[in-house]
Amino acid sequence: MLNTRQPVLRNFWYAALPVAKLDEGPKPFRLLGQDIVLFLDAAGQPAALEDRCCHRTAKLSKGWIRNGHIVCGYHGWEYDGAGKLVNIPQFPFEQAVPDARAKSFHAKTRYGYVWVCLGEPIDDIPDLPYDDDLTFRRIHQFDEPWRCSALRMMENSFDNAHFAFVHKGTFGDIDQPKPEKYELTETHYGFVADTIVPVRNPPQAARITGTSEPWTRRKMRNAWFMPFCRTMDMEYPSGLRHVIFNSATPVDDGSIQLIQILYRNDREEDCSTEELIAWDKAIIEEDRGILESTDPDAIVDMGRKLEMHMPSDRPGMLMRKRLNALLEAHGEHEVPR
């Protein structure tokens, strides 16, 4: 499936970038092949416009912000947060500004990030109850481009069979390749996946897991939010909760912006932000090395039988089933390369 050729995918919310970055001025972003510019409007709320001035098509992201309006760096034309042209500095004061605008898109802030929907939202941004729970702290871990497709990243997130091999340098054990099974429960937004997984606990992970034992167990309650978001809620016997949220935001057909937020039910003095980022960075770099070698045209219609499967692929196969049904419900079919 090529994400940019499936119009229905434009009707979901995607995390774009940390809202704090907009304090520096307008920022460019590409979502599903669409170039947009993000900035804070006169009310201090995020705005998203097509990254083109309607005068000579210069990128608005090359401009600056004045009183909550974005000013084109080419000729100074000025637009408000809804994309309406509000000022042409070359016109005399008494001359009316033409009724023109740059195309605008839905934008709002959640969990410290700007979220954008290019079409009309089918569903809301995933609900993360940890964000309102005062026993958890929120840590912004990663915001970086990956050269893989969003579906490849999502199915990998629920693939217990890769632990022993891809993560042999961190928590996996190559001598124990048989994966634990998930109990899958479908929801309106995707599914919930429950399992308990034994993992290696090397010395550098002791403060992450809360134990120095060489092995520990993760009680996992993970969730997939259509199309490309997930949570991985890991609870250790120590009582520590290590909850990861990812948005595999599709930049185009071959790349994503990987956003990762961590929630922990401990304190900074128990395990520092630097330690937590370093541990999770080592793990996702192992994933990245493999995922960037895969074909980004991940097959959704399993009837085409272009990829083989095994029992531990059930979560990824359920994703394909649900995505295929989504396409059909909106009068679409998978568009491959």
C-alpha atoms as a PDB file:
ATOM      1  CA  MET A   1       0.000   0.000   0.000  1.00  0.00           C
ATOM      2  CA  LEU A   2       1.259   3.421  -0.960  1.00  0.00           C
ATOM      3  CA  ASN A   3      -0.029   5.774   1.697  1.00  0.00           C
ATOM      4  CA  THR A   4      -0.135   8.913  -0.439  1.00  0.00           C
ATOM      5  CA  ARG A   5      -2.475   7.173  -2.920  1.00  0.00           C
ATOM      6  CA  GLN A   6      -5.102   6.219  -0.320  1.00  0.00           C
ATOM      7  CA  PRO A   7      -7.298   9.318   0.226  1.00  0.00           C
ATOM      8  CA  VAL A   8      -8.979   7.908   3.346  1.00  0.00           C
ATOM      9  CA  LEU A   9      -5.678   8.074   5.244  1.00  0.00           C
ATOM     10  CA  ARG A  10      -5.903  11.878   5.029  1.00  0.00           C
ATOM     11  CA  ASN A  11      -8.882  11.692   7.415  1.00  0.00           C
ATOM     12  CA  PHE A  12      -6.836  10.715  10.472  1.00  0.00           C
ATOM     13  CA  TRP A  13      -4.850  12.798  12.954  1.00  0.00           C
ATOM     14  CA  TYR A  14      -1.060  12.523  12.880  1.00  0.00           C
ATOM     15  CA  ALA A  15       1.520  13.922  15.297  1.00  0.00           C
ATOM     16  CA  ALA A  16       3.778  16.317  13.404  1.00  0.00           C
ATOM     17  CA  LEU A  17       6.286  18.058  15.688  1.00  0.00           C
ATOM     18  CA  PRO A  18       6.680  19.350  19.261  1.00  0.00           C
ATOM     19  CA  VAL A  19       4.560  22.460  19.704  1.00  0.00           C
ATOM     20  CA  ALA A  20       7.493  24.137  21.523  1.00  0.00           C
ATOM     21  CA  LYS A  21       9.335  24.293  18.187  1.00  0.00           C
ATOM     22  CA  LEU A  22       6.755  26.774  16.913  1.00  0.00           C
ATOM     23  CA  ASP A  23       7.980  29.313  19.442  1.00  0.00           C
ATOM     24  CA  GLU A  24      10.952  29.717  17.102  1.00  0.00           C
ATOM     25  CA  GLY A  25       8.720  30.622  14.142  1.00  0.00           C
ATOM     26  CA  PRO A  26       7.007  28.765  11.279  1.00  0.00           C
ATOM     27  CA  LYS A  27       8.135  25.227  10.541  1.00  0.00           C
ATOM     28  CA  PRO A  28       7.779  23.148   7.363  1.00  0.00           C
ATOM     29  CA  PHE A  29       6.466  19.598   7.498  1.00  0.00           C
ATOM     30  CA  ARG A  30       5.452  16.991   4.959  1.00  0.00           C
ATOM     31  CA  LEU A  31       2.478  14.747   5.683  1.00  0.00           C
ATOM     32  CA  LEU A  32       1.307  12.082   3.216  1.00  0.00           C
ATOM     33  CA  GLY A  33       3.244  13.878   0.505  1.00  0.00           C
ATOM     34  CA  GLN A  34       1.599  17.224   1.277  1.00  0.00           C
ATOM     35  CA  ASP A  35       3.945  20.086   2.124  1.00  0.00           C
ATOM     36  CA  ILE A  36       2.521  22.172   4.969  1.00  0.00           C
ATOM     37  CA  VAL A  37       3.690  24.994   7.199  1.00  0.00           C
ATOM     38  CA  LEU A  38       2.939  25.012  10.921  1.00  0.00           C
ATOM     39  CA  PHE A  39       2.849  28.117  13.122  1.00  0.00           C
ATOM     40  CA  LEU A  40       1.095  29.664  16.120  1.00  0.00           C
ATOM     41  CA  ASP A  41      -1.812  31.962  15.248  1.00  0.00           C
ATOM     42  CA  ALA A  42      -2.939  35.154  16.986  1.00  0.00           C
ATOM     43  CA  ALA A  43      -4.589  33.091  19.758  1.00  0.00           C
ATOM     44  CA  GLY A  44      -1.426  31.041  20.299  1.00  0.00           C
ATOM     45  CA  GLN A  45      -3.022  27.954  18.735  1.00  0.00           C
ATOM     46  CA  PRO A  46      -1.338  25.820  16.055  1.00  0.00           C
ATOM     47  CA  ALA A  47      -2.267  26.501  12.454  1.00  0.00           C
ATOM     48  CA  ALA A  48      -1.482  24.407   9.376  1.00  0.00           C
ATOM     49  CA  LEU A  49      -1.490  25.776   5.828  1.00  0.00           C
ATOM     50  CA  GLU A  50      -0.322  24.518   2.474  1.00  0.00           C
ATOM     51  CA  ASP A  51       3.287  25.629   2.223  1.00  0.00           C
ATOM     52  CA  ARG A  52       2.668  27.866  -0.796  1.00  0.00           C
ATOM     53  CA  CYS A  53       1.965  31.563  -1.129  1.00  0.00           C
ATOM     54  CA  CYS A  54      -0.927  32.183  -3.544  1.00  0.00           C
ATOM     55  CA  HIS A  55       1.070  34.963  -5.226  1.00  0.00           C
ATOM     56  CA  ARG A  56       4.168  33.281  -6.691  1.00  0.00           C
ATOM     57  CA  THR A  57       4.094  29.885  -4.890  1.00  0.00           C
ATOM     58  CA  ALA A  58       7.045  30.635  -2.597  1.00  0.00           C
ATOM     59  CA  LYS A  59       7.150  28.471   0.514  1.00  0.00           C
ATOM     60  CA  LEU A  60       5.485  30.252   3.419  1.00  0.00           C
ATOM     61  CA  SER A  61       7.802  28.376   5.778  1.00  0.00           C
ATOM     62  CA  LYS A  62      10.584  30.641   4.471  1.00  0.00           C
ATOM     63  CA  GLY A  63       8.803  33.602   6.063  1.00  0.00           C
ATOM     64  CA  TRP A  64       8.121  34.740   9.615  1.00  0.00           C
ATOM     65  CA  ILE A  65       5.310  35.455  12.087  1.00  0.00           C
ATOM     66  CA  ARG A  66       3.899  38.924  12.788  1.00  0.00           C
ATOM     67  CA  ASN A  67       1.037  39.356  15.249  1.00  0.00           C
ATOM     68  CA  GLY A  68      -0.051  35.756  14.761  1.00  0.00           C
ATOM     69  CA  HIS A  69      -0.018  36.000  10.965  1.00  0.00           C
ATOM     70  CA  ILE A  70       2.456  34.271   8.671  1.00  0.00           C
ATOM     71  CA  VAL A  71       4.337  36.592   6.337  1.00  0.00           C
ATOM     72  CA  CYS A  72       5.661  35.320   3.017  1.00  0.00           C
ATOM     73  CA  GLY A  73       9.373  35.989   2.723  1.00  0.00           C
ATOM     74  CA  TYR A  74       9.119  36.737  -1.021  1.00  0.00           C
ATOM     75  CA  HIS A  75       6.834  39.792  -1.161  1.00  0.00           C
ATOM     76  CA  GLY A  76       5.505  40.084   2.387  1.00  0.00           C
ATOM     77  CA  TRP A  77       1.975  38.860   1.725  1.00  0.00           C
ATOM     78  CA  GLU A  78       0.352  38.035   5.054  1.00  0.00           C
ATOM     79  CA  TYR A  79      -2.066  35.229   6.035  1.00  0.00           C
ATOM     80  CA  ASP A  80      -4.024  34.481   9.193  1.00  0.00           C
ATOM     81  CA  GLY A  81      -4.291  31.063  10.880  1.00  0.00           C
ATOM     82  CA  ALA A  82      -7.199  30.045   8.632  1.00  0.00           C
ATOM     83  CA  GLY A  83      -5.179  30.843   5.514  1.00  0.00           C
ATOM     84  CA  LYS A  84      -7.040  34.048   4.629  1.00  0.00           C
ATOM     85  CA  LEU A  85      -4.939  36.692   2.909  1.00  0.00           C
ATOM     86  CA  VAL A  86      -5.072  39.727   5.221  1.00  0.00           C
ATOM     87  CA  ASN A  87      -2.392  42.102   3.954  1.00  0.00           C
ATOM     88  CA  ILE A  88      -0.549  42.974   0.758  1.00  0.00           C
ATOM     89  CA  PRO A  89       2.085  45.557   1.704  1.00  0.00           C
ATOM     90  CA  GLN A  90       2.421  46.819  -1.907  1.00  0.00           C
ATOM     91  CA  PHE A  91      -1.238  47.971  -1.918  1.00  0.00           C
ATOM     92  CA  PRO A  92      -2.179  51.483  -0.809  1.00  0.00           C
ATOM     93  CA  PHE A  93      -3.959  51.640   2.544  1.00  0.00           C
ATOM     94  CA  GLU A  94      -7.384  52.289   1.013  1.00  0.00           C
ATOM     95  CA  GLN A  95      -7.238  49.377  -1.462  1.00  0.00           C
ATOM     96  CA  ALA A  96      -9.101  46.243  -0.339  1.00  0.00           C
ATOM     97  CA  VAL A  97      -7.211  42.979  -0.060  1.00  0.00           C
ATOM     98  CA  PRO A  98      -8.508  40.372  -2.550  1.00  0.00           C
ATOM     99  CA  ASP A  99     -10.560  37.453  -1.218  1.00  0.00           C
ATOM    100  CA  ALA A 100      -7.776  34.884  -1.496  1.00  0.00           C
ATOM    101  CA  ARG A 101      -6.364  32.243   0.811  1.00  0.00           C
ATOM    102  CA  ALA A 102      -3.822  29.526   1.268  1.00  0.00           C
ATOM    103  CA  LYS A 103      -5.354  26.088   1.779  1.00  0.00           C
ATOM    104  CA  SER A 104      -5.733  25.295   5.476  1.00  0.00           C
ATOM    105  CA  PHE A 105      -5.855  22.025   7.413  1.00  0.00           C
ATOM    106  CA  HIS A 106      -7.066  20.933  10.852  1.00  0.00           C
ATOM    107  CA  ALA A 107      -4.460  21.368  13.596  1.00  0.00           C
ATOM    108  CA  LYS A 108      -4.462  21.108  17.385  1.00  0.00           C
ATOM    109  CA  THR A 109      -2.162  20.373  20.302  1.00  0.00           C
ATOM    110  CA  ARG A 110      -2.123  17.161  22.330  1.00  0.00           C
ATOM    111  CA  TYR A 111       0.584  15.605  24.522  1.00  0.00           C
ATOM    112  CA  GLY A 112       2.994  18.420  23.705  1.00  0.00           C
ATOM    113  CA  TYR A 113       2.800  17.859  19.929  1.00  0.00           C
ATOM    114  CA  VAL A 114       1.022  19.525  17.036  1.00  0.00           C
ATOM    115  CA  TRP A 115      -1.397  17.097  15.385  1.00  0.00           C
ATOM    116  CA  VAL A 116      -2.647  17.606  11.831  1.00  0.00           C
ATOM    117  CA  CYS A 117      -5.502  16.126   9.814  1.00  0.00           C
ATOM    118  CA  LEU A 118      -5.451  16.885   6.090  1.00  0.00           C
ATOM    119  CA  GLY A 119      -9.071  15.843   5.500  1.00  0.00           C
ATOM    120  CA  GLU A 120     -12.143  15.489   7.702  1.00  0.00           C
ATOM    121  CA  PRO A 121     -11.341  13.521  10.887  1.00  0.00           C
ATOM    122  CA  ILE A 122     -12.833  10.040  11.119  1.00  0.00           C
ATOM    123  CA  ASP A 123     -11.839   9.685  14.765  1.00  0.00           C
ATOM    124  CA  ASP A 124     -10.139  11.727  17.471  1.00  0.00           C
ATOM    125  CA  ILE A 125      -6.498  11.669  18.530  1.00  0.00           C
ATOM    126  CA  PRO A 126      -5.737   8.513  20.575  1.00  0.00           C
ATOM    127  CA  ASP A 127      -6.686   8.866  24.220  1.00  0.00           C
ATOM    128  CA  LEU A 128      -3.723   8.419  26.564  1.00  0.00           C
ATOM    129  CA  PRO A 129      -5.022   8.264  30.158  1.00  0.00           C
ATOM    130  CA  TYR A 130      -1.447   8.291  31.508  1.00  0.00           C
ATOM    131  CA  ASP A 131      -1.164  11.931  30.456  1.00  0.00           C
ATOM    132  CA  ASP A 132      -3.758  12.971  33.061  1.00  0.00           C
ATOM    133  CA  ASP A 133      -2.466  10.590  35.752  1.00  0.00           C
ATOM    134  CA  LEU A 134      -0.276  12.459  38.210  1.00  0.00           C
ATOM    135  CA  THR A 135       1.555   9.245  39.119  1.00  0.00           C
ATOM    136  CA  PHE A 136       3.146   9.269  35.653  1.00  0.00           C
ATOM    137  CA  ARG A 137       5.714  11.628  34.195  1.00  0.00           C
ATOM    138  CA  ARG A 138       5.831  12.362  30.468  1.00  0.00           C
ATOM    139  CA  ILE A 139       9.148  12.228  28.631  1.00  0.00           C
ATOM    140  CA  HIS A 140       9.533  13.261  24.998  1.00  0.00           C
ATOM    141  CA  GLN A 141      12.011  10.719  23.694  1.00  0.00           C
ATOM    142  CA  PHE A 142      12.275  10.743  19.913  1.00  0.00           C
ATOM    143  CA  ASP A 143      11.181  12.830  16.959  1.00  0.00           C
ATOM    144  CA  GLU A 144      13.143  11.668  13.932  1.00  0.00           C
ATOM    145  CA  PRO A 145      12.790  10.591  10.300  1.00  0.00           C
ATOM    146  CA  TRP A 146      12.941   6.884   9.395  1.00  0.00           C
ATOM    147  CA  ARG A 147      13.184   5.463   5.881  1.00  0.00           C
ATOM    148  CA  CYS A 148      10.420   2.877   6.181  1.00  0.00           C
ATOM    149  CA  SER A 149       6.656   2.758   5.828  1.00  0.00           C
ATOM    150  CA  ALA A 150       4.252   3.404   8.685  1.00  0.00           C
ATOM    151  CA  LEU A 151       2.641  -0.044   8.438  1.00  0.00           C
ATOM    152  CA  ARG A 152       6.031  -1.785   8.664  1.00  0.00           C
ATOM    153  CA  MET A 153       6.752   0.095  11.873  1.00  0.00           C
ATOM    154  CA  MET A 154       3.298  -0.641  13.304  1.00  0.00           C
ATOM    155  CA  GLU A 155       3.341  -4.390  12.635  1.00  0.00           C
ATOM    156  CA  ASN A 156       6.866  -4.633  14.042  1.00  0.00           C
ATOM    157  CA  SER A 157       5.587  -3.074  17.274  1.00  0.00           C
ATOM    158  CA  PHE A 158       3.363  -6.132  17.877  1.00  0.00           C
ATOM    159  CA  ASP A 159       5.789  -8.759  16.588  1.00  0.00           C
ATOM    160  CA  ASN A 160       7.090 -10.812  19.512  1.00  0.00           C
ATOM    161  CA  ALA A 161       9.013 -13.111  17.166  1.00  0.00           C
ATOM    162  CA  HIS A 162      11.655 -10.514  16.341  1.00  0.00           C
ATOM    163  CA  PHE A 163      12.804  -9.953  19.931  1.00  0.00           C
ATOM    164  CA  ALA A 164      15.283 -12.840  20.008  1.00  0.00           C
ATOM    165  CA  PHE A 165      16.990 -11.721  16.812  1.00  0.00           C
ATOM    166  CA  VAL A 166      16.667  -7.966  16.308  1.00  0.00           C
ATOM    167  CA  HIS A 167      17.079  -7.205  20.024  1.00  0.00           C
ATOM    168  CA  LYS A 168      19.778  -9.745  20.852  1.00  0.00           C
ATOM    169  CA  GLY A 169      22.022  -6.837  21.833  1.00  0.00           C
ATOM    170  CA  THR A 170      19.600  -5.505  24.471  1.00  0.00           C
ATOM    171  CA  PHE A 171      16.860  -7.708  25.959  1.00  0.00           C
ATOM    172  CA  GLY A 172      16.405 -10.559  23.440  1.00  0.00           C
ATOM    173  CA  ASP A 173      17.830 -14.084  23.720  1.00  0.00           C
ATOM    174  CA  ILE A 174      18.681 -15.687  20.394  1.00  0.00           C
ATOM    175  CA  ASP A 175      18.631 -19.115  22.032  1.00  0.00           C
ATOM    176  CA  GLN A 176      14.938 -18.709  22.857  1.00  0.00           C
ATOM    177  CA  PRO A 177      13.281 -17.754  19.566  1.00  0.00           C
ATOM    178  CA  LYS A 178       9.733 -19.011  20.263  1.00  0.00           C
ATOM    179  CA  PRO A 179       7.485 -15.965  20.836  1.00  0.00           C
ATOM    180  CA  GLU A 180       4.735 -15.558  23.418  1.00  0.00           C
ATOM    181  CA  LYS A 181       1.228 -15.276  22.015  1.00  0.00           C
ATOM    182  CA  TYR A 182      -0.975 -12.197  22.225  1.00  0.00           C
ATOM    183  CA  GLU A 183      -4.598 -12.248  23.288  1.00  0.00           C
ATOM    184  CA  LEU A 184      -6.182  -9.858  20.801  1.00  0.00           C
ATOM    185  CA  THR A 185      -9.382  -7.909  21.450  1.00  0.00           C
ATOM    186  CA  GLU A 186     -10.731  -5.768  18.626  1.00  0.00           C
ATOM    187  CA  THR A 187     -11.967  -2.243  19.362  1.00  0.00           C
ATOM    188  CA  HIS A 188     -13.590   0.446  17.242  1.00  0.00           C
ATOM    189  CA  TYR A 189     -10.187   2.150  16.905  1.00  0.00           C
ATOM    190  CA  GLY A 190      -8.052  -0.986  16.312  1.00  0.00           C
ATOM    191  CA  PHE A 191      -7.263  -3.606  18.929  1.00  0.00           C
ATOM    192  CA  VAL A 192      -5.781  -4.293  22.361  1.00  0.00           C
ATOM    193  CA  ALA A 193      -3.075  -6.980  22.693  1.00  0.00           C
ATOM    194  CA  ASP A 194      -2.272  -8.641  26.028  1.00  0.00           C
ATOM    195  CA  THR A 195       0.616 -10.969  26.825  1.00  0.00           C
ATOM    196  CA  ILE A 196       3.377 -11.725  29.343  1.00  0.00           C
ATOM    197  CA  VAL A 197       6.897 -11.911  27.938  1.00  0.00           C
ATOM    198  CA  PRO A 198      10.090 -13.112  29.712  1.00  0.00           C
ATOM    199  CA  VAL A 199      13.053 -10.895  28.803  1.00  0.00           C
ATOM    200  CA  ARG A 200      16.735 -10.671  29.574  1.00  0.00           C
ATOM    201  CA  ASN A 201      17.591  -8.005  32.122  1.00  0.00           C
ATOM    202  CA  PRO A 202      21.211  -6.938  31.591  1.00  0.00           C
ATOM    203  CA  PRO A 203      22.882  -4.739  34.244  1.00  0.00           C
ATOM    204  CA  GLN A 204      22.254  -1.544  32.252  1.00  0.00           C
ATOM    205  CA  ALA A 205      18.506  -2.255  32.389  1.00  0.00           C
ATOM    206  CA  ALA A 206      18.268  -2.707  36.174  1.00  0.00           C
ATOM    207  CA  ARG A 207      17.071   0.839  36.859  1.00  0.00           C
ATOM    208  CA  ILE A 208      14.679   0.604  33.902  1.00  0.00           C
ATOM    209  CA  THR A 209      12.989  -2.554  35.178  1.00  0.00           C
ATOM    210  CA  GLY A 210      13.460  -2.031  38.910  1.00  0.00           C
ATOM    211  CA  THR A 211      15.295  -5.327  39.473  1.00  0.00           C
ATOM    212  CA  SER A 212      18.848  -6.641  39.117  1.00  0.00           C
ATOM    213  CA  GLU A 213      17.744 -10.224  38.412  1.00  0.00           C
ATOM    214  CA  PRO A 214      19.197 -11.547  35.123  1.00  0.00           C
ATOM    215  CA  TRP A 215      15.684 -12.266  33.816  1.00  0.00           C
ATOM    216  CA  THR A 216      12.370 -10.520  34.372  1.00  0.00           C
ATOM    217  CA  ARG A 217       8.864 -10.549  32.916  1.00  0.00           C
ATOM    218  CA  ARG A 218       6.909  -7.894  31.128  1.00  0.00           C
ATOM    219  CA  LYS A 219       3.158  -7.833  31.542  1.00  0.00           C
ATOM    220  CA  MET A 220       2.181  -6.118  28.330  1.00  0.00           C
ATOM    221  CA  ARG A 221      -1.095  -4.457  27.433  1.00  0.00           C
ATOM    222  CA  ASN A 222      -0.577  -2.842  24.072  1.00  0.00           C
ATOM    223  CA  ALA A 223      -2.991  -1.040  21.781  1.00  0.00           C
ATOM    224  CA  TRP A 224      -3.118  -0.243  18.079  1.00  0.00           C
ATOM    225  CA  PHE A 225      -4.920   2.917  16.962  1.00  0.00           C
ATOM    226  CA  MET A 226      -5.778   2.973  13.260  1.00  0.00           C
ATOM    227  CA  PRO A 227      -3.926   3.626  11.161  1.00  0.00           C
ATOM    228  CA  PHE A 228      -0.421   4.293  12.532  1.00  0.00           C
ATOM    229  CA  CYS A 229      -0.332   4.898  16.298  1.00  0.00           C
ATOM    230  CA  ARG A 230       0.263   2.488  19.166  1.00  0.00           C
ATOM    231  CA  THR A 231       0.886   2.217  22.895  1.00  0.00           C
ATOM    232  CA  MET A 232       3.099  -0.396  24.554  1.00  0.00           C
ATOM    233  CA  ASP A 233       2.254  -0.592  28.253  1.00  0.00           C
ATOM    234  CA  MET A 234       4.902  -2.697  30.025  1.00  0.00           C
ATOM    235  CA  GLU A 235       4.536  -3.512  33.716  1.00  0.00           C
ATOM    236  CA  TYR A 236       7.395  -5.216  35.546  1.00  0.00           C
ATOM    237  CA  PRO A 237       7.180  -7.324  38.735  1.00  0.00           C
ATOM    238  CA  SER A 238       8.773  -4.383  40.549  1.00  0.00           C
ATOM    239  CA  GLY A 239       5.587  -2.414  39.886  1.00  0.00           C
ATOM    240  CA  LEU A 240       7.296  -0.061  37.427  1.00  0.00           C
ATOM    241  CA  ARG A 241       5.250   0.890  34.373  1.00  0.00           C
ATOM    242  CA  HIS A 242       7.116   1.788  31.202  1.00  0.00           C
ATOM    243  CA  VAL A 243       4.531   3.012  28.689  1.00  0.00           C
ATOM    244  CA  ILE A 244       5.603   3.955  25.189  1.00  0.00           C
ATOM    245  CA  PHE A 245       3.424   5.853  22.703  1.00  0.00           C
ATOM    246  CA  ASN A 246       4.401   6.023  19.036  1.00  0.00           C
ATOM    247  CA  SER A 247       3.034   7.878  16.066  1.00  0.00           C
ATOM    248  CA  ALA A 248       4.523   6.522  12.838  1.00  0.00           C
ATOM    249  CA  THR A 249       3.546   9.671  10.959  1.00  0.00           C
ATOM    250  CA  PRO A 250       3.637   9.001   7.191  1.00  0.00           C
ATOM    251  CA  VAL A 251       5.744  11.650   5.497  1.00  0.00           C
ATOM    252  CA  ASP A 252       5.447  10.000   2.091  1.00  0.00           C
ATOM    253  CA  ASP A 253       5.350   6.466   0.675  1.00  0.00           C
ATOM    254  CA  GLY A 254       8.842   5.575   1.834  1.00  0.00           C
ATOM    255  CA  SER A 255       9.424   7.462   5.064  1.00  0.00           C
ATOM    256  CA  ILE A 256       7.887   8.338   8.413  1.00  0.00           C
ATOM    257  CA  GLN A 257       8.477  10.766  11.239  1.00  0.00           C
ATOM    258  CA  LEU A 258       8.808   8.519  14.274  1.00  0.00           C
ATOM    259  CA  ILE A 259       7.506  10.200  17.410  1.00  0.00           C
ATOM    260  CA  GLN A 260       7.935   8.465  20.757  1.00  0.00           C
ATOM    261  CA  ILE A 261       6.637   9.604  24.130  1.00  0.00           C
ATOM    262  CA  LEU A 262       7.393   7.701  27.339  1.00  0.00           C
ATOM    263  CA  TYR A 263       5.262   7.605  30.496  1.00  0.00           C
ATOM    264  CA  ARG A 264       6.811   6.305  33.732  1.00  0.00           C
ATOM    265  CA  ASN A 265       5.272   5.875  37.191  1.00  0.00           C
ATOM    266  CA  ASP A 266       8.493   6.779  38.993  1.00  0.00           C
ATOM    267  CA  ARG A 267      10.550   9.892  39.646  1.00  0.00           C
ATOM    268  CA  GLU A 268      13.547  11.476  37.979  1.00  0.00           C
ATOM    269  CA  GLU A 269      15.755  10.511  40.926  1.00  0.00           C
ATOM    270  CA  ASP A 270      14.654   6.869  40.562  1.00  0.00           C
ATOM    271  CA  CYS A 271      15.711   6.649  36.931  1.00  0.00           C
ATOM    272  CA  SER A 272      16.853   9.714  35.029  1.00  0.00           C
ATOM    273  CA  THR A 273      15.458  10.920  31.729  1.00  0.00           C
ATOM    274  CA  GLU A 274      18.912  10.448  30.201  1.00  0.00           C
ATOM    275  CA  GLU A 275      19.017   6.789  31.255  1.00  0.00           C
ATOM    276  CA  LEU A 276      15.534   6.106  29.916  1.00  0.00           C
ATOM    277  CA  ILE A 277      16.243   7.755  26.582  1.00  0.00           C
ATOM    278  CA  ALA A 278      19.569   5.937  26.205  1.00  0.00           C
ATOM    279  CA  TRP A 279      17.974   2.528  26.888  1.00  0.00           C
ATOM    280  CA  ASP A 280      15.049   3.018  24.533  1.00  0.00           C
ATOM    281  CA  LYS A 281      17.338   4.569  21.915  1.00  0.00           C
ATOM    282  CA  ALA A 282      19.449   1.408  21.837  1.00  0.00           C
ATOM    283  CA  ILE A 283      16.293  -0.654  21.287  1.00  0.00           C
ATOM    284  CA  ILE A 284      14.716   1.447  18.546  1.00  0.00           C
ATOM    285  CA  GLU A 285      18.024   1.688  16.694  1.00  0.00           C
ATOM    286  CA  GLU A 286      17.989  -2.114  16.510  1.00  0.00           C
ATOM    287  CA  ASP A 287      14.478  -1.910  15.036  1.00  0.00           C
ATOM    288  CA  ARG A 288      15.472   0.869  12.686  1.00  0.00           C
ATOM    289  CA  GLY A 289      18.361  -1.085  11.214  1.00  0.00           C
ATOM    290  CA  ILE A 290      15.978  -3.834  10.113  1.00  0.00           C
ATOM    291  CA  LEU A 291      12.911  -1.790   9.200  1.00  0.00           C
ATOM    292  CA  GLU A 292      14.848   0.536   6.910  1.00  0.00           C
ATOM    293  CA  SER A 293      15.872  -2.549   4.932  1.00  0.00           C
ATOM    294  CA  THR A 294      12.251  -3.613   4.266  1.00  0.00           C
ATOM    295  CA  ASP A 295      10.128  -2.779   1.217  1.00  0.00           C
ATOM    296  CA  PRO A 296       7.951   0.183   2.244  1.00  0.00           C
ATOM    297  CA  ASP A 297       5.146  -1.047  -0.032  1.00  0.00           C
ATOM    298  CA  ALA A 298       3.653  -3.213   2.722  1.00  0.00           C
ATOM    299  CA  ILE A 299       0.910  -5.446   1.339  1.00  0.00           C
ATOM    300  CA  VAL A 300      -2.547  -4.885   2.862  1.00  0.00           C
ATOM    301  CA  ASP A 301      -4.636  -7.233   0.711  1.00  0.00           C
ATOM    302  CA  MET A 302      -3.423 -10.624   1.956  1.00  0.00           C
ATOM    303  CA  GLY A 303      -5.317 -12.296  -0.880  1.00  0.00           C
ATOM    304  CA  ARG A 304      -2.490 -11.210  -3.167  1.00  0.00           C
ATOM    305  CA  LYS A 305      -0.233 -13.704  -1.322  1.00  0.00           C
ATOM    306  CA  LEU A 306       2.969 -11.778  -1.970  1.00  0.00           C
ATOM    307  CA  GLU A 307       4.322 -12.205   1.563  1.00  0.00           C
ATOM    308  CA  MET A 308       4.494 -15.316   3.717  1.00  0.00           C
ATOM    309  CA  HIS A 309       3.119 -15.384   7.269  1.00  0.00           C
ATOM    310  CA  MET A 310       3.476 -17.379  10.498  1.00  0.00           C
ATOM    311  CA  PRO A 311       1.236 -17.616  13.610  1.00  0.00           C
ATOM    312  CA  SER A 312       3.043 -14.830  15.495  1.00  0.00           C
ATOM    313  CA  ASP A 313       2.110 -12.456  12.661  1.00  0.00           C
ATOM    314  CA  ARG A 314      -1.524 -12.384  13.845  1.00  0.00           C
ATOM    315  CA  PRO A 315      -1.461  -8.737  15.027  1.00  0.00           C
ATOM    316  CA  GLY A 316      -0.031  -7.564  11.712  1.00  0.00           C
ATOM    317  CA  MET A 317      -2.524  -9.663   9.785  1.00  0.00           C
ATOM    318  CA  LEU A 318      -5.366  -8.151  11.823  1.00  0.00           C
ATOM    319  CA  MET A 319      -4.027  -4.697  10.980  1.00  0.00           C
ATOM    320  CA  ARG A 320      -4.150  -5.608   7.301  1.00  0.00           C
ATOM    321  CA  LYS A 321      -7.685  -6.948   7.632  1.00  0.00           C
ATOM    322  CA  ARG A 322      -8.905  -3.778   9.335  1.00  0.00           C
ATOM    323  CA  LEU A 323      -7.070  -1.442   6.936  1.00  0.00           C
ATOM    324  CA  ASN A 324      -8.401  -3.335   3.930  1.00  0.00           C
ATOM    325  CA  ALA A 325     -11.933  -3.034   5.339  1.00  0.00           C
ATOM    326  CA  LEU A 326     -11.357   0.693   5.907  1.00  0.00           C
ATOM    327  CA  LEU A 327     -10.374   1.169   2.281  1.00  0.00           C
ATOM    328  CA  GLU A 328     -13.387  -0.780   1.022  1.00  0.00           C
ATOM    329  CA  ALA A 329     -15.768   1.129   3.303  1.00  0.00           C
ATOM    330  CA  HIS A 330     -14.608   4.346   1.637  1.00  0.00           C
ATOM    331  CA  GLY A 331     -14.807   3.023  -1.906  1.00  0.00           C
ATOM    332  CA  GLU A 332     -11.096   2.441  -2.223  1.00  0.00           C
ATOM    333  CA  HIS A 333      -8.824  -0.478  -2.992  1.00  0.00           C
ATOM    334  CA  GLU A 334      -5.198  -0.933  -2.080  1.00  0.00           C
ATOM    335  CA  VAL A 335      -2.907   0.985  -4.423  1.00  0.00           C
ATOM    336  CA  PRO A 336       0.469  -0.805  -4.573  1.00  0.00           C
ATOM    337  CA  ARG A 337       3.567   0.251  -6.464  1.00  0.00           C
END
